[in-house]
Amino acid sequence: MRVVIQRVREASVSVGGRIKAAIGPGLMILLGVGHEDGQEDIDWLVRKIAGLRIFNDADGVMNRSVTDIQGEALVVSQFTLMASTKKGNRPSYIGAAGHELAIPLYEQFCAALSDAIGRPVGTGEFGADMQVALINDGPVTICIDTKNKE
């Protein structure tokens, strides 16, 4: 699994011109699912995200997690995160999991993250043409790949 995490003041995802989900301060997470991903990836990634200390404390130091600030999370599926650009100029998405694997893992990830942060997680619509709007706070943007844990 690959994620791009952005610390945001607010974020929303729209489908067909209608807002599907919106959050205030917290994390905007773009999630890519690969063929070899499974429950172990979800468990590790959720622990990492829930504990990631990227929010400022009273001294202005990034020392607090999304759970510490009681922040929100919005998770949007994005198969293009699994792109390979090794050959030519057209990205290959062969590493992205198909719907039959990706949808259940996406849903399990969202449920596990919701449990970890103690509040509902906003979601996009898997496979839809979505528009994401956000105000990146910092900016703070972090990329994590569960295949690069060490």
N, C-alpha and C. Protein backbone atom coordinates (compact mmCIF):
# COMPACT_ATOMS: atom_id res chain seq x y z
N MET A 1 0.85 -1.17 0.00
CA MET A 1 0.00 0.00 0.00
C MET A 1 0.89 1.23 0.00
N ARG A 2 0.43 2.20 -0.69
CA ARG A 2 1.11 3.50 -0.72
C ARG A 2 0.11 4.57 -0.32
N VAL A 3 0.59 5.52 0.48
CA VAL A 3 -0.26 6.65 0.85
C VAL A 3 0.51 7.95 0.67
N VAL A 4 -0.26 8.97 0.36
CA VAL A 4 0.21 10.34 0.45
C VAL A 4 -0.67 10.97 1.51
N ILE A 5 -0.03 11.45 2.57
CA ILE A 5 -0.74 12.02 3.71
C ILE A 5 -0.48 13.52 3.73
N GLN A 6 -1.52 14.30 3.83
CA GLN A 6 -1.36 15.74 3.93
C GLN A 6 -2.05 16.24 5.19
N ARG A 7 -1.31 17.04 5.97
CA ARG A 7 -1.91 17.70 7.13
C ARG A 7 -2.73 18.86 6.57
N VAL A 8 -4.01 18.87 6.90
CA VAL A 8 -4.90 19.87 6.30
C VAL A 8 -5.67 20.66 7.36
N ARG A 9 -6.04 21.85 6.96
CA ARG A 9 -6.98 22.64 7.77
C ARG A 9 -8.40 22.21 7.46
N GLU A 10 -8.60 21.83 6.19
CA GLU A 10 -9.89 21.30 5.75
C GLU A 10 -9.68 20.58 4.44
N ALA A 11 -10.58 19.64 4.14
CA ALA A 11 -10.52 18.91 2.87
C ALA A 11 -11.90 18.36 2.56
N SER A 12 -12.14 18.15 1.26
CA SER A 12 -13.41 17.54 0.84
C SER A 12 -13.19 16.77 -0.45
N VAL A 13 -14.10 15.85 -0.69
CA VAL A 13 -14.10 15.10 -1.94
C VAL A 13 -15.51 15.17 -2.51
N SER A 14 -15.57 15.47 -3.81
CA SER A 14 -16.86 15.59 -4.50
C SER A 14 -16.94 14.57 -5.63
N VAL A 15 -18.15 14.10 -5.87
CA VAL A 15 -18.44 13.20 -6.98
C VAL A 15 -19.65 13.76 -7.70
N GLY A 16 -19.53 13.99 -9.00
CA GLY A 16 -20.65 14.52 -9.77
C GLY A 16 -21.12 15.88 -9.29
N GLY A 17 -20.20 16.69 -8.80
CA GLY A 17 -20.55 18.04 -8.36
C GLY A 17 -21.15 18.12 -6.97
N ARG A 18 -21.27 16.98 -6.27
CA ARG A 18 -21.82 16.96 -4.91
C ARG A 18 -20.75 16.52 -3.93
N ILE A 19 -20.65 17.20 -2.81
CA ILE A 19 -19.66 16.85 -1.80
C ILE A 19 -20.05 15.52 -1.16
N LYS A 20 -19.15 14.55 -1.24
CA LYS A 20 -19.37 13.22 -0.66
C LYS A 20 -18.93 13.20 0.80
N ALA A 21 -17.81 13.88 1.10
CA ALA A 21 -17.31 13.93 2.48
C ALA A 21 -16.46 15.18 2.64
N ALA A 22 -16.46 15.71 3.85
CA ALA A 22 -15.65 16.90 4.16
C ALA A 22 -15.17 16.79 5.60
N ILE A 23 -13.96 17.30 5.82
CA ILE A 23 -13.38 17.28 7.16
C ILE A 23 -12.81 18.65 7.51
N GLY A 24 -12.62 18.86 8.80
CA GLY A 24 -11.90 20.02 9.29
C GLY A 24 -10.45 19.63 9.50
N PRO A 25 -9.78 20.19 10.49
CA PRO A 25 -8.36 19.90 10.71
C PRO A 25 -8.11 18.40 10.87
N GLY A 26 -7.08 17.93 10.19
CA GLY A 26 -6.74 16.51 10.27
C GLY A 26 -5.89 16.07 9.11
N LEU A 27 -6.19 14.88 8.60
CA LEU A 27 -5.38 14.24 7.56
C LEU A 27 -6.18 13.95 6.30
N MET A 28 -5.65 14.38 5.18
CA MET A 28 -6.16 13.98 3.86
C MET A 28 -5.24 12.86 3.40
N ILE A 29 -5.81 11.68 3.14
CA ILE A 29 -5.00 10.51 2.80
C ILE A 29 -5.42 9.97 1.44
N LEU A 30 -4.47 9.91 0.52
CA LEU A 30 -4.67 9.26 -0.77
C LEU A 30 -4.09 7.86 -0.62
N LEU A 31 -4.88 6.83 -0.96
CA LEU A 31 -4.48 5.44 -0.73
C LEU A 31 -4.43 4.66 -2.03
N GLY A 32 -3.27 4.04 -2.29
CA GLY A 32 -3.11 3.15 -3.43
C GLY A 32 -2.93 1.73 -2.93
N VAL A 33 -3.61 0.77 -3.55
CA VAL A 33 -3.56 -0.63 -3.14
C VAL A 33 -2.92 -1.44 -4.26
N GLY A 34 -1.93 -2.28 -3.88
CA GLY A 34 -1.24 -3.13 -4.85
C GLY A 34 -1.68 -4.57 -4.74
N HIS A 35 -1.24 -5.38 -5.71
CA HIS A 35 -1.60 -6.80 -5.79
C HIS A 35 -1.20 -7.61 -4.56
N GLU A 36 -0.09 -7.26 -3.95
CA GLU A 36 0.46 -8.06 -2.85
C GLU A 36 0.05 -7.53 -1.48
N ASP A 37 -0.82 -6.55 -1.42
CA ASP A 37 -1.21 -5.95 -0.15
C ASP A 37 -2.24 -6.81 0.57
N GLY A 38 -2.22 -6.70 1.91
CA GLY A 38 -3.16 -7.48 2.71
C GLY A 38 -3.33 -6.86 4.08
N GLN A 39 -3.87 -7.66 5.00
CA GLN A 39 -4.20 -7.18 6.34
C GLN A 39 -2.96 -6.68 7.10
N GLU A 40 -1.83 -7.32 6.90
CA GLU A 40 -0.59 -6.88 7.56
C GLU A 40 -0.24 -5.45 7.16
N ASP A 41 -0.42 -5.13 5.89
CA ASP A 41 -0.15 -3.76 5.41
C ASP A 41 -1.11 -2.77 6.06
N ILE A 42 -2.37 -3.14 6.14
CA ILE A 42 -3.37 -2.27 6.77
C ILE A 42 -3.00 -2.01 8.22
N ASP A 43 -2.72 -3.08 8.96
CA ASP A 43 -2.42 -2.94 10.39
C ASP A 43 -1.22 -2.04 10.63
N TRP A 44 -0.15 -2.27 9.89
CA TRP A 44 1.07 -1.48 10.05
C TRP A 44 0.84 -0.02 9.68
N LEU A 45 0.17 0.19 8.56
CA LEU A 45 -0.05 1.54 8.05
C LEU A 45 -0.98 2.34 8.97
N VAL A 46 -2.03 1.73 9.46
CA VAL A 46 -2.96 2.42 10.36
C VAL A 46 -2.24 2.83 11.65
N ARG A 47 -1.45 1.93 12.21
CA ARG A 47 -0.67 2.27 13.42
C ARG A 47 0.26 3.45 13.15
N LYS A 48 0.92 3.42 12.01
CA LYS A 48 1.86 4.47 11.65
C LYS A 48 1.14 5.80 11.48
N ILE A 49 0.04 5.81 10.77
CA ILE A 49 -0.69 7.06 10.51
C ILE A 49 -1.29 7.62 11.79
N ALA A 50 -1.93 6.77 12.60
CA ALA A 50 -2.58 7.25 13.82
C ALA A 50 -1.56 7.83 14.81
N GLY A 51 -0.34 7.33 14.77
CA GLY A 51 0.68 7.82 15.71
C GLY A 51 1.63 8.85 15.13
N LEU A 52 1.48 9.17 13.85
CA LEU A 52 2.39 10.10 13.18
C LEU A 52 2.31 11.48 13.82
N ARG A 53 3.42 11.94 14.35
CA ARG A 53 3.44 13.22 15.07
C ARG A 53 3.79 14.35 14.11
N ILE A 54 2.75 14.87 13.46
CA ILE A 54 2.95 15.94 12.47
C ILE A 54 2.11 17.19 12.76
N PHE A 55 1.49 17.22 13.94
CA PHE A 55 0.71 18.39 14.33
C PHE A 55 1.47 19.14 15.43
N ASN A 56 1.38 20.46 15.40
CA ASN A 56 2.14 21.30 16.32
C ASN A 56 1.62 21.20 17.75
N ASP A 57 2.58 21.23 18.69
CA ASP A 57 2.22 21.35 20.10
C ASP A 57 2.19 22.83 20.46
N ALA A 58 2.06 23.14 21.73
CA ALA A 58 1.94 24.53 22.18
C ALA A 58 3.19 25.37 21.85
N ASP A 59 4.32 24.68 21.65
CA ASP A 59 5.57 25.38 21.32
C ASP A 59 5.81 25.48 19.82
N GLY A 60 4.85 25.02 19.02
CA GLY A 60 5.00 25.08 17.57
C GLY A 60 5.87 23.97 17.00
N VAL A 61 6.10 22.92 17.78
CA VAL A 61 6.91 21.78 17.34
C VAL A 61 5.96 20.66 16.91
N MET A 62 6.26 20.01 15.78
CA MET A 62 5.44 18.89 15.32
C MET A 62 5.65 17.72 16.28
N ASN A 63 4.77 17.62 17.25
CA ASN A 63 4.93 16.65 18.33
C ASN A 63 3.62 15.97 18.70
N ARG A 64 2.55 16.24 17.94
CA ARG A 64 1.23 15.68 18.26
C ARG A 64 0.69 14.90 17.07
N SER A 65 -0.09 13.87 17.37
CA SER A 65 -0.69 13.03 16.33
C SER A 65 -2.12 13.49 16.05
N VAL A 66 -2.71 12.91 15.04
CA VAL A 66 -4.11 13.22 14.71
C VAL A 66 -5.03 12.83 15.86
N THR A 67 -4.69 11.77 16.58
CA THR A 67 -5.49 11.38 17.73
C THR A 67 -5.32 12.37 18.88
N ASP A 68 -4.10 12.88 19.05
CA ASP A 68 -3.84 13.86 20.11
C ASP A 68 -4.67 15.12 19.93
N ILE A 69 -4.85 15.54 18.68
CA ILE A 69 -5.59 16.78 18.42
C ILE A 69 -7.08 16.52 18.17
N GLN A 70 -7.47 15.25 18.25
CA GLN A 70 -8.84 14.84 17.93
C GLN A 70 -9.21 15.30 16.52
N GLY A 71 -8.26 15.10 15.60
CA GLY A 71 -8.45 15.50 14.21
C GLY A 71 -9.26 14.48 13.43
N GLU A 72 -9.62 14.89 12.23
CA GLU A 72 -10.42 14.05 11.35
C GLU A 72 -9.54 13.46 10.26
N ALA A 73 -10.10 12.53 9.49
CA ALA A 73 -9.38 11.94 8.36
C ALA A 73 -10.34 11.75 7.20
N LEU A 74 -9.80 11.98 6.00
CA LEU A 74 -10.51 11.74 4.76
C LEU A 74 -9.62 10.84 3.91
N VAL A 75 -10.15 9.70 3.48
CA VAL A 75 -9.37 8.73 2.71
C VAL A 75 -9.98 8.60 1.32
N VAL A 76 -9.15 8.83 0.30
CA VAL A 76 -9.59 8.73 -1.08
C VAL A 76 -8.73 7.69 -1.79
N SER A 77 -9.38 6.72 -2.43
CA SER A 77 -8.64 5.70 -3.18
C SER A 77 -8.01 6.35 -4.40
N GLN A 78 -6.76 5.94 -4.68
CA GLN A 78 -6.07 6.51 -5.84
C GLN A 78 -5.11 5.48 -6.42
N PHE A 79 -5.60 4.73 -7.41
CA PHE A 79 -4.79 3.68 -8.02
C PHE A 79 -3.55 4.22 -8.70
N THR A 80 -3.56 5.49 -9.08
CA THR A 80 -2.41 6.07 -9.78
C THR A 80 -1.17 6.15 -8.88
N LEU A 81 -1.33 6.02 -7.57
CA LEU A 81 -0.17 5.98 -6.68
C LEU A 81 0.68 4.74 -6.94
N MET A 82 0.11 3.73 -7.57
CA MET A 82 0.83 2.50 -7.85
C MET A 82 1.52 2.55 -9.22
N ALA A 83 1.55 3.70 -9.84
CA ALA A 83 2.12 3.85 -11.19
C ALA A 83 3.61 3.51 -11.22
N SER A 84 4.01 2.90 -12.31
CA SER A 84 5.42 2.69 -12.60
C SER A 84 5.78 3.60 -13.78
N THR A 85 6.87 4.32 -13.62
CA THR A 85 7.30 5.24 -14.69
C THR A 85 8.67 4.86 -15.21
N LYS A 86 9.04 3.60 -15.06
CA LYS A 86 10.38 3.14 -15.45
C LYS A 86 10.62 3.22 -16.95
N LYS A 87 9.60 2.91 -17.74
CA LYS A 87 9.77 2.89 -19.19
C LYS A 87 8.87 3.92 -19.85
N GLY A 88 9.44 4.70 -20.74
CA GLY A 88 8.66 5.64 -21.53
C GLY A 88 8.04 6.75 -20.70
N ASN A 89 7.07 7.41 -21.30
CA ASN A 89 6.42 8.55 -20.67
C ASN A 89 4.98 8.28 -20.24
N ARG A 90 4.48 7.11 -20.57
CA ARG A 90 3.13 6.75 -20.17
C ARG A 90 3.22 5.84 -18.95
N PRO A 91 2.70 6.27 -17.80
CA PRO A 91 2.78 5.43 -16.61
C PRO A 91 2.03 4.12 -16.81
N SER A 92 2.57 3.06 -16.20
CA SER A 92 1.91 1.76 -16.20
C SER A 92 1.27 1.55 -14.83
N TYR A 93 0.04 1.09 -14.83
CA TYR A 93 -0.69 0.86 -13.59
C TYR A 93 -0.86 -0.62 -13.30
N ILE A 94 -0.01 -1.43 -13.89
CA ILE A 94 -0.11 -2.88 -13.74
C ILE A 94 0.06 -3.32 -12.28
N GLY A 95 0.73 -2.50 -11.46
CA GLY A 95 0.93 -2.82 -10.05
C GLY A 95 -0.28 -2.56 -9.18
N ALA A 96 -1.27 -1.85 -9.71
CA ALA A 96 -2.47 -1.55 -8.92
C ALA A 96 -3.38 -2.77 -8.85
N ALA A 97 -3.91 -3.02 -7.67
CA ALA A 97 -4.82 -4.14 -7.49
C ALA A 97 -6.14 -3.87 -8.22
N GLY A 98 -6.76 -4.93 -8.69
CA GLY A 98 -8.08 -4.81 -9.32
C GLY A 98 -9.15 -4.58 -8.26
N HIS A 99 -10.33 -4.22 -8.73
CA HIS A 99 -11.45 -3.91 -7.83
C HIS A 99 -11.73 -5.02 -6.82
N GLU A 100 -11.64 -6.30 -7.26
CA GLU A 100 -12.00 -7.41 -6.38
C GLU A 100 -11.11 -7.49 -5.14
N LEU A 101 -9.88 -7.01 -5.22
CA LEU A 101 -8.98 -6.97 -4.06
C LEU A 101 -8.95 -5.58 -3.44
N ALA A 102 -8.90 -4.57 -4.27
CA ALA A 102 -8.69 -3.21 -3.77
C ALA A 102 -9.87 -2.68 -2.96
N ILE A 103 -11.09 -2.93 -3.39
CA ILE A 103 -12.26 -2.40 -2.67
C ILE A 103 -12.34 -2.93 -1.23
N PRO A 104 -12.25 -4.26 -1.03
CA PRO A 104 -12.31 -4.74 0.36
C PRO A 104 -11.15 -4.20 1.22
N LEU A 105 -9.95 -4.12 0.66
CA LEU A 105 -8.81 -3.61 1.43
C LEU A 105 -8.98 -2.12 1.74
N TYR A 106 -9.50 -1.36 0.80
CA TYR A 106 -9.77 0.06 1.03
C TYR A 106 -10.79 0.21 2.17
N GLU A 107 -11.86 -0.57 2.12
CA GLU A 107 -12.89 -0.49 3.15
C GLU A 107 -12.35 -0.93 4.51
N GLN A 108 -11.52 -1.98 4.53
CA GLN A 108 -10.92 -2.45 5.78
C GLN A 108 -9.96 -1.39 6.35
N PHE A 109 -9.19 -0.75 5.46
CA PHE A 109 -8.28 0.31 5.89
C PHE A 109 -9.07 1.45 6.54
N CYS A 110 -10.13 1.88 5.89
CA CYS A 110 -10.94 2.99 6.43
C CYS A 110 -11.55 2.63 7.78
N ALA A 111 -12.05 1.42 7.92
CA ALA A 111 -12.65 0.98 9.19
C ALA A 111 -11.59 0.91 10.28
N ALA A 112 -10.42 0.38 9.96
CA ALA A 112 -9.33 0.27 10.95
C ALA A 112 -8.84 1.66 11.37
N LEU A 113 -8.73 2.58 10.42
CA LEU A 113 -8.29 3.93 10.74
C LEU A 113 -9.33 4.63 11.61
N SER A 114 -10.60 4.43 11.32
CA SER A 114 -11.67 5.00 12.12
C SER A 114 -11.57 4.51 13.57
N ASP A 115 -11.34 3.22 13.74
CA ASP A 115 -11.18 2.65 15.08
C ASP A 115 -9.96 3.27 15.78
N ALA A 116 -8.87 3.41 15.04
CA ALA A 116 -7.61 3.90 15.62
C ALA A 116 -7.70 5.36 16.07
N ILE A 117 -8.43 6.19 15.31
CA ILE A 117 -8.49 7.61 15.68
C ILE A 117 -9.75 7.94 16.49
N GLY A 118 -10.63 6.96 16.62
CA GLY A 118 -11.80 7.14 17.47
C GLY A 118 -12.89 8.03 16.91
N ARG A 119 -12.96 8.07 15.59
CA ARG A 119 -14.03 8.87 14.95
C ARG A 119 -14.23 8.38 13.52
N PRO A 120 -15.39 8.67 12.94
CA PRO A 120 -15.63 8.24 11.56
C PRO A 120 -14.63 8.86 10.60
N VAL A 121 -14.34 8.12 9.55
CA VAL A 121 -13.42 8.57 8.50
C VAL A 121 -14.24 8.89 7.26
N GLY A 122 -14.00 10.06 6.69
CA GLY A 122 -14.66 10.42 5.43
C GLY A 122 -14.03 9.64 4.29
N THR A 123 -14.83 9.32 3.28
CA THR A 123 -14.32 8.55 2.14
C THR A 123 -14.81 9.14 0.83
N GLY A 124 -14.07 8.79 -0.20
CA GLY A 124 -14.51 9.09 -1.55
C GLY A 124 -15.40 7.96 -2.04
N GLU A 125 -15.49 7.82 -3.35
CA GLU A 125 -16.27 6.74 -3.95
C GLU A 125 -15.35 5.96 -4.85
N PHE A 126 -15.08 4.73 -4.49
CA PHE A 126 -14.10 3.91 -5.19
C PHE A 126 -14.43 3.85 -6.69
N GLY A 127 -13.44 4.15 -7.52
CA GLY A 127 -13.58 4.06 -8.97
C GLY A 127 -14.27 5.23 -9.63
N ALA A 128 -14.76 6.19 -8.84
CA ALA A 128 -15.47 7.34 -9.41
C ALA A 128 -14.49 8.43 -9.84
N ASP A 129 -14.96 9.31 -10.69
CA ASP A 129 -14.21 10.52 -11.04
C ASP A 129 -14.46 11.50 -9.90
N MET A 130 -13.42 11.74 -9.08
CA MET A 130 -13.58 12.55 -7.88
C MET A 130 -12.79 13.84 -8.00
N GLN A 131 -13.27 14.86 -7.34
CA GLN A 131 -12.55 16.12 -7.22
C GLN A 131 -12.24 16.31 -5.74
N VAL A 132 -10.96 16.51 -5.47
CA VAL A 132 -10.51 16.68 -4.09
C VAL A 132 -10.08 18.12 -3.89
N ALA A 133 -10.57 18.74 -2.83
CA ALA A 133 -10.20 20.11 -2.49
C ALA A 133 -9.61 20.08 -1.08
N LEU A 134 -8.56 20.85 -0.87
CA LEU A 134 -7.96 20.87 0.45
C LEU A 134 -7.15 22.13 0.66
N ILE A 135 -6.97 22.44 1.93
CA ILE A 135 -6.04 23.49 2.33
C ILE A 135 -4.97 22.77 3.13
N ASN A 136 -3.79 22.59 2.50
CA ASN A 136 -2.67 21.91 3.13
C ASN A 136 -2.11 22.83 4.19
N ASP A 137 -1.94 22.32 5.39
CA ASP A 137 -1.49 23.11 6.53
C ASP A 137 0.00 22.91 6.73
N GLY A 138 0.78 23.90 6.42
CA GLY A 138 2.23 23.84 6.62
C GLY A 138 3.02 24.40 5.45
N PRO A 139 3.06 23.77 4.34
CA PRO A 139 2.45 22.49 3.99
C PRO A 139 3.23 21.32 4.60
N VAL A 140 2.48 20.28 4.94
CA VAL A 140 3.07 19.04 5.42
C VAL A 140 2.50 17.92 4.56
N THR A 141 3.38 17.23 3.84
CA THR A 141 2.99 16.12 2.98
C THR A 141 3.98 14.98 3.19
N ILE A 142 3.47 13.78 3.47
CA ILE A 142 4.31 12.63 3.77
C ILE A 142 3.87 11.45 2.91
N CYS A 143 4.83 10.75 2.32
CA CYS A 143 4.55 9.56 1.52
C CYS A 143 5.05 8.33 2.28
N ILE A 144 4.23 7.30 2.31
CA ILE A 144 4.61 6.05 2.98
C ILE A 144 4.24 4.88 2.07
N ASP A 145 5.15 3.91 1.96
CA ASP A 145 4.93 2.69 1.20
C ASP A 145 5.16 1.53 2.15
N THR A 146 4.18 0.67 2.32
CA THR A 146 4.32 -0.43 3.27
C THR A 146 5.39 -1.45 2.83
N LYS A 147 5.81 -1.39 1.60
CA LYS A 147 6.87 -2.29 1.14
C LYS A 147 8.25 -1.74 1.47
N ASN A 148 8.32 -0.54 2.03
CA ASN A 148 9.58 0.08 2.42
C ASN A 148 9.59 0.37 3.92
N LYS A 149 9.26 -0.63 4.72
CA LYS A 149 9.15 -0.43 6.17
C LYS A 149 10.50 -0.23 6.84
N GLU A 150 11.53 -0.76 6.26
CA GLU A 150 12.84 -0.68 6.91
C GLU A 150 13.75 0.30 6.24
